[in-house]
PDB file of N, CA and C in Angstrom:
ATOM      1  N   MET A   1       2.331   2.178 -10.424  1.00  0.00           N
ATOM      2  CA  MET A   1       3.188   2.710  -9.385  1.00  0.00           C
ATOM      3  C   MET A   1       2.508   3.869  -8.654  1.00  0.00           C
ATOM      4  N   THR A   2       1.689   4.611  -9.376  1.00  0.00           N
ATOM      5  CA  THR A   2       0.965   5.710  -8.763  1.00  0.00           C
ATOM      6  C   THR A   2       0.003   5.193  -7.698  1.00  0.00           C
ATOM      7  N   PHE A   3      -0.649   4.076  -7.987  1.00  0.00           N
ATOM      8  CA  PHE A   3      -1.583   3.485  -7.034  1.00  0.00           C
ATOM      9  C   PHE A   3      -0.866   3.112  -5.745  1.00  0.00           C
ATOM     10  N   PHE A   4       0.341   2.583  -5.845  1.00  0.00           N
ATOM     11  CA  PHE A   4       1.130   2.218  -4.669  1.00  0.00           C
ATOM     12  C   PHE A   4       1.441   3.457  -3.825  1.00  0.00           C
ATOM     13  N   LEU A   5       1.852   4.526  -4.467  1.00  0.00           N
ATOM     14  CA  LEU A   5       2.187   5.746  -3.732  1.00  0.00           C
ATOM     15  C   LEU A   5       0.963   6.341  -3.045  1.00  0.00           C
ATOM     16  N   ILE A   6      -0.183   6.298  -3.721  1.00  0.00           N
ATOM     17  CA  ILE A   6      -1.411   6.795  -3.110  1.00  0.00           C
ATOM     18  C   ILE A   6      -1.764   5.961  -1.879  1.00  0.00           C
ATOM     19  N   LEU A   7      -1.629   4.637  -1.981  1.00  0.00           N
ATOM     20  CA  LEU A   7      -1.912   3.771  -0.837  1.00  0.00           C
ATOM     21  C   LEU A   7      -0.983   4.072   0.335  1.00  0.00           C
ATOM     22  N   VAL A   8       0.282   4.302   0.059  1.00  0.00           N
ATOM     23  CA  VAL A   8       1.241   4.597   1.128  1.00  0.00           C
ATOM     24  C   VAL A   8       0.911   5.936   1.791  1.00  0.00           C
ATOM     25  N   ILE A   9       0.562   6.936   0.995  1.00  0.00           N
ATOM     26  CA  ILE A   9       0.211   8.241   1.557  1.00  0.00           C
ATOM     27  C   ILE A   9      -1.041   8.139   2.420  1.00  0.00           C
ATOM     28  N   VAL A  10      -2.043   7.404   1.942  1.00  0.00           N
ATOM     29  CA  VAL A  10      -3.266   7.211   2.723  1.00  0.00           C
ATOM     30  C   VAL A  10      -2.950   6.486   4.031  1.00  0.00           C
ATOM     31  N   ALA A  11      -2.092   5.485   3.970  1.00  0.00           N
ATOM     32  CA  ALA A  11      -1.728   4.745   5.178  1.00  0.00           C
ATOM     33  C   ALA A  11      -1.017   5.647   6.181  1.00  0.00           C
ATOM     34  N   ILE A  12      -0.146   6.507   5.705  1.00  0.00           N
ATOM     35  CA  ILE A  12       0.571   7.418   6.605  1.00  0.00           C
ATOM     36  C   ILE A  12      -0.391   8.406   7.256  1.00  0.00           C
ATOM     37  N   VAL A  13      -1.290   8.974   6.454  1.00  0.00           N
ATOM     38  CA  VAL A  13      -2.247   9.940   6.993  1.00  0.00           C
ATOM     39  C   VAL A  13      -3.161   9.278   8.027  1.00  0.00           C
ATOM     40  N   LEU A  14      -3.695   8.110   7.701  1.00  0.00           N
ATOM     41  CA  LEU A  14      -4.562   7.410   8.646  1.00  0.00           C
ATOM     42  C   LEU A  14      -3.797   7.035   9.912  1.00  0.00           C
ATOM     43  N   GLY A  15      -2.562   6.595   9.742  1.00  0.00           N
ATOM     44  CA  GLY A  15      -1.753   6.238  10.902  1.00  0.00           C
ATOM     45  C   GLY A  15      -1.473   7.422  11.803  1.00  0.00           C
ATOM     46  N   LEU A  16      -1.156   8.565  11.214  1.00  0.00           N
ATOM     47  CA  LEU A  16      -0.906   9.763  12.024  1.00  0.00           C
ATOM     48  C   LEU A  16      -2.162  10.219  12.756  1.00  0.00           C
ATOM     49  N   ILE A  17      -3.271  10.244  12.054  1.00  0.00           N
ATOM     50  CA  ILE A  17      -4.520  10.657  12.702  1.00  0.00           C
ATOM     51  C   ILE A  17      -4.880   9.674  13.814  1.00  0.00           C
ATOM     52  N   GLY A  18      -4.715   8.390  13.544  1.00  0.00           N
ATOM     53  CA  GLY A  18      -5.040   7.384  14.548  1.00  0.00           C
ATOM     54  C   GLY A  18      -4.131   7.433  15.757  1.00  0.00           C
ATOM     55  N   ALA A  19      -2.884   7.803  15.553  1.00  0.00           N
ATOM     56  CA  ALA A  19      -1.946   7.857  16.673  1.00  0.00           C
ATOM     57  C   ALA A  19      -2.117   9.133  17.499  1.00  0.00           C
ATOM     58  N   VAL A  20      -2.501  10.216  16.865  1.00  0.00           N
ATOM     59  CA  VAL A  20      -2.580  11.506  17.556  1.00  0.00           C
ATOM     60  C   VAL A  20      -3.950  11.743  18.192  1.00  0.00           C
ATOM     61  N   ALA A  21      -5.015  11.433  17.462  1.00  0.00           N
ATOM     62  CA  ALA A  21      -6.361  11.734  17.952  1.00  0.00           C
ATOM     63  C   ALA A  21      -6.768  10.733  19.036  1.00  0.00           C
ATOM     64  N   LYS A  22      -7.362  11.243  20.060  1.00  0.00           N
ATOM     65  CA  LYS A  22      -7.787  10.403  21.180  1.00  0.00           C
ATOM     66  C   LYS A  22      -9.034   9.609  20.779  1.00  0.00           C
ATOM     67  N   GLY A  23      -9.005   8.303  20.991  1.00  0.00           N
ATOM     68  CA  GLY A  23     -10.149   7.466  20.699  1.00  0.00           C
ATOM     69  C   GLY A  23     -10.248   6.991  19.263  1.00  0.00           C
ATOM     70  N   LEU A  24      -9.269   7.298  18.443  1.00  0.00           N
ATOM     71  CA  LEU A  24      -9.302   6.882  17.041  1.00  0.00           C
ATOM     72  C   LEU A  24      -8.179   5.890  16.730  1.00  0.00           C
ATOM     73  N   LEU A  25      -7.947   5.003  17.669  1.00  0.00           N
ATOM     74  CA  LEU A  25      -6.900   4.002  17.484  1.00  0.00           C
ATOM     75  C   LEU A  25      -7.203   3.074  16.307  1.00  0.00           C
ATOM     76  N   TYR A  26      -8.494   2.904  16.006  1.00  0.00           N
ATOM     77  CA  TYR A  26      -8.862   2.037  14.887  1.00  0.00           C
ATOM     78  C   TYR A  26      -8.339   2.596  13.560  1.00  0.00           C
ATOM     79  N   LEU A  27      -8.171   3.913  13.457  1.00  0.00           N
ATOM     80  CA  LEU A  27      -7.597   4.479  12.231  1.00  0.00           C
ATOM     81  C   LEU A  27      -6.133   4.080  12.074  1.00  0.00           C
ATOM     82  N   LEU A  28      -5.434   3.965  13.177  1.00  0.00           N
ATOM     83  CA  LEU A  28      -4.051   3.497  13.137  1.00  0.00           C
ATOM     84  C   LEU A  28      -4.001   2.067  12.622  1.00  0.00           C
ATOM     85  N   VAL A  29      -4.912   1.236  13.096  1.00  0.00           N
ATOM     86  CA  VAL A  29      -4.969  -0.155  12.641  1.00  0.00           C
ATOM     87  C   VAL A  29      -5.309  -0.218  11.158  1.00  0.00           C
ATOM     88  N   ILE A  30      -6.270   0.595  10.722  1.00  0.00           N
ATOM     89  CA  ILE A  30      -6.629   0.630   9.301  1.00  0.00           C
ATOM     90  C   ILE A  30      -5.444   1.115   8.473  1.00  0.00           C
ATOM     91  N   GLY A  31      -4.708   2.095   8.967  1.00  0.00           N
ATOM     92  CA  GLY A  31      -3.527   2.587   8.264  1.00  0.00           C
ATOM     93  C   GLY A  31      -2.468   1.510   8.115  1.00  0.00           C
ATOM     94  N   ILE A  32      -2.280   0.710   9.147  1.00  0.00           N
ATOM     95  CA  ILE A  32      -1.310  -0.389   9.079  1.00  0.00           C
ATOM     96  C   ILE A  32      -1.760  -1.429   8.064  1.00  0.00           C
ATOM     97  N   VAL A  33      -3.061  -1.733   8.056  1.00  0.00           N
ATOM     98  CA  VAL A  33      -3.583  -2.712   7.089  1.00  0.00           C
ATOM     99  C   VAL A  33      -3.424  -2.198   5.662  1.00  0.00           C
ATOM    100  N   VAL A  34      -3.689  -0.919   5.440  1.00  0.00           N
ATOM    101  CA  VAL A  34      -3.531  -0.337   4.100  1.00  0.00           C
ATOM    102  C   VAL A  34      -2.064  -0.370   3.682  1.00  0.00           C
ATOM    103  N   PHE A  35      -1.161  -0.099   4.618  1.00  0.00           N
ATOM    104  CA  PHE A  35       0.266  -0.120   4.296  1.00  0.00           C
ATOM    105  C   PHE A  35       0.723  -1.529   3.918  1.00  0.00           C
ATOM    106  N   VAL A  36       0.271  -2.522   4.664  1.00  0.00           N
ATOM    107  CA  VAL A  36       0.619  -3.907   4.339  1.00  0.00           C
ATOM    108  C   VAL A  36       0.032  -4.285   2.983  1.00  0.00           C
ATOM    109  N   GLY A  37      -1.191  -3.836   2.715  1.00  0.00           N
ATOM    110  CA  GLY A  37      -1.801  -4.088   1.411  1.00  0.00           C
ATOM    111  C   GLY A  37      -1.017  -3.442   0.281  1.00  0.00           C
ATOM    112  N   ALA A  38      -0.491  -2.261   0.515  1.00  0.00           N
ATOM    113  CA  ALA A  38       0.331  -1.590  -0.490  1.00  0.00           C
ATOM    114  C   ALA A  38       1.614  -2.374  -0.756  1.00  0.00           C
ATOM    115  N   GLN A  39       2.202  -2.931   0.296  1.00  0.00           N
ATOM    116  CA  GLN A  39       3.415  -3.726   0.117  1.00  0.00           C
ATOM    117  C   GLN A  39       3.131  -4.990  -0.693  1.00  0.00           C
ATOM    118  N   VAL A  40       2.001  -5.638  -0.403  1.00  0.00           N
ATOM    119  CA  VAL A  40       1.615  -6.840  -1.154  1.00  0.00           C
ATOM    120  C   VAL A  40       1.373  -6.478  -2.614  1.00  0.00           C
ATOM    121  N   TYR A  41       0.692  -5.350  -2.854  1.00  0.00           N
ATOM    122  CA  TYR A  41       0.447  -4.900  -4.226  1.00  0.00           C
ATOM    123  C   TYR A  41       1.765  -4.667  -4.954  1.00  0.00           C
ATOM    124  N   LEU A  42       2.722  -4.044  -4.292  1.00  0.00           N
ATOM    125  CA  LEU A  42       4.012  -3.774  -4.926  1.00  0.00           C
ATOM    126  C   LEU A  42       4.734  -5.069  -5.284  1.00  0.00           C
ATOM    127  N   VAL A  43       4.737  -6.032  -4.383  1.00  0.00           N
ATOM    128  CA  VAL A  43       5.401  -7.314  -4.653  1.00  0.00           C
ATOM    129  C   VAL A  43       4.739  -8.012  -5.837  1.00  0.00           C
ATOM    130  N   LEU A  44       3.420  -8.031  -5.867  1.00  0.00           N
ATOM    131  CA  LEU A  44       2.724  -8.667  -6.979  1.00  0.00           C
ATOM    132  C   LEU A  44       2.973  -7.934  -8.290  1.00  0.00           C
ATOM    133  N   HIS A  45       3.041  -6.615  -8.225  1.00  0.00           N
ATOM    134  CA  HIS A  45       3.296  -5.821  -9.428  1.00  0.00           C
ATOM    135  C   HIS A  45       4.709  -6.075  -9.969  1.00  0.00           C
ATOM    136  N   ILE A  46       5.684  -6.176  -9.081  1.00  0.00           N
ATOM    137  CA  ILE A  46       7.059  -6.428  -9.510  1.00  0.00           C
ATOM    138  C   ILE A  46       7.186  -7.824 -10.100  1.00  0.00           C
ATOM    139  N   ARG A  47       6.549  -8.803  -9.474  1.00  0.00           N
ATOM    140  CA  ARG A  47       6.604 -10.168 -10.003  1.00  0.00           C
ATOM    141  C   ARG A  47       5.962 -10.260 -11.379  1.00  0.00           C
ATOM    142  N   ARG A  48       4.821  -9.593 -11.536  1.00  0.00           N
ATOM    143  CA  ARG A  48       4.100  -9.662 -12.800  1.00  0.00           C
ATOM    144  C   ARG A  48       4.861  -8.941 -13.907  1.00  0.00           C
ATOM    145  N   SER A  49       5.488  -7.797 -13.598  1.00  0.00           N
ATOM    146  CA  SER A  49       6.206  -7.044 -14.626  1.00  0.00           C
ATOM    147  C   SER A  49       7.570  -7.665 -14.925  1.00  0.00           C
ATOM    148  N   GLY A  50       8.065  -8.539 -14.051  1.00  0.00           N
ATOM    149  CA  GLY A  50       9.357  -9.172 -14.270  1.00  0.00           C
ATOM    150  C   GLY A  50       9.316 -10.245 -15.339  1.00  0.00           C
ATOM    151  N   ARG A  51       8.150 -10.770 -15.604  1.00  0.00           N
ATOM    152  CA  ARG A  51       8.001 -11.804 -16.625  1.00  0.00           C
ATOM    153  C   ARG A  51       7.746 -11.159 -17.975  1.00  0.00           C
ATOM    154  N   LYS A  52       8.748 -11.123 -18.771  1.00  0.00           N
ATOM    155  CA  LYS A  52       8.591 -10.564 -20.110  1.00  0.00           C
ATOM    156  C   LYS A  52       8.437 -11.697 -21.105  1.00  0.00           C
ATOM    157  N   ARG A  53       7.356 -11.663 -21.809  1.00  0.00           N
ATOM    158  CA  ARG A  53       7.103 -12.724 -22.784  1.00  0.00           C
ATOM    159  C   ARG A  53       7.679 -12.350 -24.127  1.00  0.00           C
ATOM    160  N   ARG A  54       8.311 -13.300 -24.722  1.00  0.00           N
ATOM    161  CA  ARG A  54       8.824 -13.076 -26.067  1.00  0.00           C
ATOM    162  C   ARG A  54       7.814 -13.590 -27.078  1.00  0.00           C
ATOM    163  N   THR A  55       7.572 -12.791 -28.057  1.00  0.00           N
ATOM    164  CA  THR A  55       6.646 -13.212 -29.097  1.00  0.00           C
ATOM    165  C   THR A  55       7.421 -13.778 -30.268  1.00  0.00           C
ATOM    166  N   ALA A  56       6.885 -14.826 -30.856  1.00  0.00           N
ATOM    167  CA  ALA A  56       7.524 -15.427 -32.013  1.00  0.00           C
ATOM    168  C   ALA A  56       7.269 -14.545 -33.237  1.00  0.00           C
ATOM    169  N   ARG A  57       8.328 -14.335 -33.987  1.00  0.00           N
ATOM    170  CA  ARG A  57       8.179 -13.496 -35.189  1.00  0.00           C
ATOM    171  C   ARG A  57       8.142 -14.355 -36.420  1.00  0.00           C
TER     172      ARG A  57
END
């Protein structure tokens, strides 16, 4: 979960810098890609942790 939060923070920072700084629109695009990647990571993490295996005793 920490990795997801770090990815979201990085995406926000890159997006803000890309939106504010002149000529750095590519940082905004990279921020959007990182944010989408964070969402995909979260979905995969939730799916994987939702499967609880029972062990035979």
